[in-house]
Amino acid sequence: METIKTFFEEFRVLAGDLADNVKRLIHEGNVRRIIIKDDKGNTFIEIPVTVAAIGAIFAPVLAAVGAIAAMASHFTIVVEKAHPPDAPAASVNRV
């Protein structure tokens, strides 16, 4: 039985780029969860990507992210990713 390892990436984005980045992350295959925080570290929303990838739920999630973008100018996106134990860890990508 293989164990899936998880790791976290964190990057900062401007409000105008928030929805596009979340949309891109939802479409990635190894993303498990997306957490959006403000400059002070307050969590606005946690998105389990396995649920958000379902078409009926995808549109409301992006609408919520768009509404959140109006609340502040800078955000931190924390991404929980998974990779099989034999695969090398992905390099940290900054957006």
N, C-alpha and C. Protein backbone atom coordinates (compact mmCIF):
# COMPACT_ATOMS: atom_id res chain seq x y z
N MET A 1 0.84 -1.18 0.00
CA MET A 1 0.00 0.00 0.00
C MET A 1 0.88 1.24 0.00
N GLU A 2 0.65 2.12 -0.96
CA GLU A 2 1.45 3.33 -1.07
C GLU A 2 0.85 4.46 -0.24
N THR A 3 1.71 5.25 0.33
CA THR A 3 1.28 6.40 1.11
C THR A 3 1.49 7.65 0.27
N ILE A 4 0.50 8.51 0.24
CA ILE A 4 0.63 9.76 -0.49
C ILE A 4 1.15 10.82 0.47
N LYS A 5 2.23 11.46 0.08
CA LYS A 5 2.82 12.51 0.91
C LYS A 5 2.24 13.86 0.50
N THR A 6 2.05 14.71 1.47
CA THR A 6 1.54 16.05 1.19
C THR A 6 2.58 17.09 1.55
N PHE A 7 2.53 18.20 0.87
CA PHE A 7 3.39 19.33 1.19
C PHE A 7 2.62 20.60 0.88
N PHE A 8 3.09 21.71 1.39
CA PHE A 8 2.40 22.99 1.24
C PHE A 8 3.28 23.98 0.49
N GLU A 9 2.65 24.75 -0.37
CA GLU A 9 3.29 25.88 -1.03
C GLU A 9 2.50 27.13 -0.64
N GLU A 10 3.19 28.22 -0.54
CA GLU A 10 2.55 29.46 -0.13
C GLU A 10 3.07 30.57 -1.03
N PHE A 11 2.17 31.37 -1.60
CA PHE A 11 2.62 32.51 -2.39
C PHE A 11 1.62 33.65 -2.29
N ARG A 12 2.11 34.85 -2.56
CA ARG A 12 1.30 36.07 -2.44
C ARG A 12 0.83 36.50 -3.82
N VAL A 13 -0.40 36.98 -3.87
CA VAL A 13 -0.96 37.48 -5.12
C VAL A 13 -1.73 38.77 -4.86
N LEU A 14 -1.90 39.55 -5.90
CA LEU A 14 -2.74 40.74 -5.82
C LEU A 14 -4.20 40.32 -6.00
N ALA A 15 -5.12 41.13 -5.53
CA ALA A 15 -6.54 40.81 -5.59
C ALA A 15 -7.00 40.54 -7.02
N GLY A 16 -6.49 41.29 -7.98
CA GLY A 16 -6.90 41.12 -9.37
C GLY A 16 -6.49 39.77 -9.96
N ASP A 17 -5.46 39.16 -9.40
CA ASP A 17 -4.97 37.87 -9.90
C ASP A 17 -5.49 36.69 -9.10
N LEU A 18 -6.23 36.95 -8.04
CA LEU A 18 -6.64 35.88 -7.13
C LEU A 18 -7.51 34.83 -7.82
N ALA A 19 -8.57 35.23 -8.50
CA ALA A 19 -9.48 34.27 -9.12
C ALA A 19 -8.78 33.45 -10.20
N ASP A 20 -7.94 34.09 -11.01
CA ASP A 20 -7.22 33.36 -12.06
C ASP A 20 -6.29 32.31 -11.47
N ASN A 21 -5.60 32.66 -10.40
CA ASN A 21 -4.69 31.71 -9.76
C ASN A 21 -5.44 30.54 -9.13
N VAL A 22 -6.57 30.83 -8.49
CA VAL A 22 -7.36 29.76 -7.88
C VAL A 22 -7.90 28.83 -8.97
N LYS A 23 -8.38 29.41 -10.07
CA LYS A 23 -8.89 28.60 -11.18
C LYS A 23 -7.79 27.68 -11.72
N ARG A 24 -6.61 28.22 -11.90
CA ARG A 24 -5.48 27.42 -12.39
C ARG A 24 -5.14 26.30 -11.42
N LEU A 25 -5.13 26.61 -10.13
CA LEU A 25 -4.79 25.61 -9.12
C LEU A 25 -5.83 24.50 -9.05
N ILE A 26 -7.10 24.84 -9.20
CA ILE A 26 -8.16 23.83 -9.17
C ILE A 26 -7.97 22.82 -10.29
N HIS A 27 -7.48 23.29 -11.43
CA HIS A 27 -7.30 22.40 -12.58
C HIS A 27 -6.03 21.54 -12.48
N GLU A 28 -5.13 21.83 -11.55
CA GLU A 28 -3.95 20.99 -11.38
C GLU A 28 -4.36 19.66 -10.75
N GLY A 29 -3.69 18.61 -11.13
CA GLY A 29 -4.10 17.29 -10.67
C GLY A 29 -3.67 16.95 -9.25
N ASN A 30 -2.64 17.56 -8.74
CA ASN A 30 -2.11 17.15 -7.44
C ASN A 30 -2.47 18.09 -6.29
N VAL A 31 -3.33 19.06 -6.52
CA VAL A 31 -3.74 20.00 -5.47
C VAL A 31 -4.90 19.40 -4.70
N ARG A 32 -4.76 19.37 -3.38
CA ARG A 32 -5.81 18.80 -2.53
C ARG A 32 -6.67 19.86 -1.86
N ARG A 33 -6.05 21.00 -1.51
CA ARG A 33 -6.78 22.04 -0.78
C ARG A 33 -6.13 23.38 -1.05
N ILE A 34 -6.95 24.43 -1.12
CA ILE A 34 -6.48 25.79 -1.31
C ILE A 34 -7.01 26.62 -0.15
N ILE A 35 -6.12 27.37 0.49
CA ILE A 35 -6.50 28.25 1.60
C ILE A 35 -6.13 29.67 1.20
N ILE A 36 -7.09 30.58 1.32
CA ILE A 36 -6.84 31.99 0.98
C ILE A 36 -6.84 32.80 2.27
N LYS A 37 -5.73 33.53 2.47
CA LYS A 37 -5.56 34.35 3.68
C LYS A 37 -5.28 35.79 3.29
N ASP A 38 -5.58 36.71 4.21
CA ASP A 38 -5.26 38.12 3.98
C ASP A 38 -3.86 38.42 4.51
N ASP A 39 -3.47 39.71 4.45
CA ASP A 39 -2.13 40.14 4.89
C ASP A 39 -1.86 39.83 6.36
N LYS A 40 -2.92 39.81 7.17
CA LYS A 40 -2.76 39.59 8.60
C LYS A 40 -2.79 38.11 8.97
N GLY A 41 -2.99 37.24 7.98
CA GLY A 41 -3.01 35.81 8.26
C GLY A 41 -4.39 35.25 8.55
N ASN A 42 -5.43 36.09 8.44
CA ASN A 42 -6.80 35.62 8.65
C ASN A 42 -7.23 34.77 7.46
N THR A 43 -7.78 33.62 7.72
CA THR A 43 -8.25 32.74 6.66
C THR A 43 -9.62 33.19 6.18
N PHE A 44 -9.74 33.44 4.87
CA PHE A 44 -11.03 33.81 4.28
C PHE A 44 -11.80 32.58 3.85
N ILE A 45 -11.12 31.64 3.21
CA ILE A 45 -11.81 30.47 2.69
C ILE A 45 -10.82 29.32 2.54
N GLU A 46 -11.31 28.11 2.80
CA GLU A 46 -10.57 26.88 2.54
C GLU A 46 -11.37 26.10 1.52
N ILE A 47 -10.73 25.74 0.42
CA ILE A 47 -11.42 25.06 -0.66
C ILE A 47 -10.84 23.65 -0.81
N PRO A 48 -11.63 22.62 -0.51
CA PRO A 48 -11.16 21.27 -0.83
C PRO A 48 -11.32 21.07 -2.33
N VAL A 49 -10.22 20.94 -3.05
CA VAL A 49 -10.25 20.95 -4.51
C VAL A 49 -10.99 19.75 -5.07
N THR A 50 -11.00 18.63 -4.38
CA THR A 50 -11.74 17.48 -4.88
C THR A 50 -13.22 17.80 -4.99
N VAL A 51 -13.72 18.65 -4.12
CA VAL A 51 -15.12 19.07 -4.19
C VAL A 51 -15.28 20.17 -5.22
N ALA A 52 -14.36 21.12 -5.27
CA ALA A 52 -14.47 22.25 -6.19
C ALA A 52 -14.33 21.84 -7.64
N ALA A 53 -13.67 20.73 -7.91
CA ALA A 53 -13.48 20.29 -9.28
C ALA A 53 -14.77 19.79 -9.92
N ILE A 54 -15.76 19.48 -9.12
CA ILE A 54 -17.05 19.05 -9.65
C ILE A 54 -17.73 20.27 -10.27
N GLY A 55 -18.20 20.13 -11.48
CA GLY A 55 -18.73 21.25 -12.25
C GLY A 55 -19.79 22.07 -11.54
N ALA A 56 -20.70 21.45 -10.83
CA ALA A 56 -21.79 22.17 -10.18
C ALA A 56 -21.30 23.07 -9.06
N ILE A 57 -20.17 22.75 -8.47
CA ILE A 57 -19.65 23.52 -7.34
C ILE A 57 -18.58 24.50 -7.78
N PHE A 58 -17.99 24.29 -8.95
CA PHE A 58 -16.87 25.10 -9.42
C PHE A 58 -17.24 26.58 -9.58
N ALA A 59 -18.37 26.88 -10.21
CA ALA A 59 -18.77 28.27 -10.45
C ALA A 59 -19.01 29.05 -9.15
N PRO A 60 -19.74 28.50 -8.18
CA PRO A 60 -19.92 29.25 -6.93
C PRO A 60 -18.61 29.49 -6.17
N VAL A 61 -17.68 28.55 -6.26
CA VAL A 61 -16.39 28.73 -5.60
C VAL A 61 -15.66 29.92 -6.21
N LEU A 62 -15.64 30.01 -7.54
CA LEU A 62 -14.98 31.15 -8.18
C LEU A 62 -15.71 32.46 -7.89
N ALA A 63 -17.02 32.42 -7.78
CA ALA A 63 -17.78 33.63 -7.43
C ALA A 63 -17.41 34.09 -6.02
N ALA A 64 -17.25 33.16 -5.10
CA ALA A 64 -16.86 33.49 -3.73
C ALA A 64 -15.45 34.07 -3.71
N VAL A 65 -14.56 33.50 -4.49
CA VAL A 65 -13.18 34.01 -4.56
C VAL A 65 -13.18 35.42 -5.13
N GLY A 66 -14.00 35.67 -6.13
CA GLY A 66 -14.11 37.02 -6.69
C GLY A 66 -14.61 38.03 -5.67
N ALA A 67 -15.57 37.62 -4.85
CA ALA A 67 -16.09 38.51 -3.81
C ALA A 67 -15.04 38.77 -2.75
N ILE A 68 -14.27 37.77 -2.42
CA ILE A 68 -13.20 37.92 -1.43
C ILE A 68 -12.15 38.90 -1.93
N ALA A 69 -11.88 38.88 -3.24
CA ALA A 69 -10.85 39.75 -3.81
C ALA A 69 -11.16 41.22 -3.60
N ALA A 70 -12.43 41.56 -3.41
CA ALA A 70 -12.81 42.95 -3.19
C ALA A 70 -12.51 43.42 -1.77
N MET A 71 -12.17 42.50 -0.87
CA MET A 71 -11.98 42.83 0.54
C MET A 71 -10.58 43.34 0.88
N ALA A 72 -9.59 42.99 0.11
CA ALA A 72 -8.21 43.41 0.40
C ALA A 72 -7.43 43.47 -0.90
N SER A 73 -6.22 43.99 -0.84
CA SER A 73 -5.44 44.11 -2.07
C SER A 73 -4.39 43.01 -2.24
N HIS A 74 -3.95 42.43 -1.14
CA HIS A 74 -2.94 41.36 -1.19
C HIS A 74 -3.45 40.13 -0.45
N PHE A 75 -3.18 38.99 -1.02
CA PHE A 75 -3.59 37.73 -0.42
C PHE A 75 -2.43 36.74 -0.43
N THR A 76 -2.51 35.80 0.48
CA THR A 76 -1.59 34.67 0.48
C THR A 76 -2.42 33.44 0.16
N ILE A 77 -1.95 32.68 -0.82
CA ILE A 77 -2.61 31.42 -1.16
C ILE A 77 -1.72 30.30 -0.64
N VAL A 78 -2.29 29.45 0.20
CA VAL A 78 -1.60 28.28 0.71
C VAL A 78 -2.18 27.08 -0.03
N VAL A 79 -1.32 26.31 -0.66
CA VAL A 79 -1.77 25.19 -1.48
C VAL A 79 -1.24 23.89 -0.87
N GLU A 80 -2.16 22.98 -0.56
CA GLU A 80 -1.76 21.65 -0.10
C GLU A 80 -1.73 20.75 -1.33
N LYS A 81 -0.57 20.16 -1.59
CA LYS A 81 -0.40 19.29 -2.75
C LYS A 81 -0.02 17.90 -2.29
N ALA A 82 -0.25 16.95 -3.17
CA ALA A 82 0.10 15.56 -2.88
C ALA A 82 0.93 15.02 -4.02
N HIS A 83 1.87 14.13 -3.68
CA HIS A 83 2.62 13.43 -4.70
C HIS A 83 2.92 12.03 -4.20
N PRO A 84 2.97 11.07 -5.11
CA PRO A 84 3.27 9.70 -4.69
C PRO A 84 4.65 9.62 -4.04
N PRO A 85 4.88 8.64 -3.18
CA PRO A 85 6.15 8.58 -2.46
C PRO A 85 7.36 8.41 -3.36
N ASP A 86 7.21 7.80 -4.53
CA ASP A 86 8.35 7.59 -5.41
C ASP A 86 8.65 8.80 -6.30
N ALA A 87 7.70 9.69 -6.44
CA ALA A 87 7.89 10.87 -7.28
C ALA A 87 8.70 11.92 -6.52
N PRO A 88 9.58 12.63 -7.22
CA PRO A 88 10.32 13.70 -6.55
C PRO A 88 9.39 14.85 -6.20
N ALA A 89 9.70 15.53 -5.15
CA ALA A 89 8.88 16.67 -4.73
C ALA A 89 8.99 17.76 -5.78
N ALA A 90 7.89 18.38 -6.09
CA ALA A 90 7.87 19.45 -7.07
C ALA A 90 8.58 20.67 -6.51
N SER A 91 9.21 21.41 -7.39
CA SER A 91 9.85 22.63 -6.93
C SER A 91 8.77 23.65 -6.59
N VAL A 92 9.08 24.57 -5.72
CA VAL A 92 8.12 25.57 -5.30
C VAL A 92 7.99 26.59 -6.41
N ASN A 93 6.78 26.74 -6.93
CA ASN A 93 6.50 27.70 -7.98
C ASN A 93 5.95 28.97 -7.37
N ARG A 94 6.48 30.06 -7.74
CA ARG A 94 5.98 31.36 -7.28
C ARG A 94 5.20 31.99 -8.41
N VAL A 95 4.03 32.49 -8.07
CA VAL A 95 3.18 33.13 -9.08
C VAL A 95 3.25 34.61 -8.91
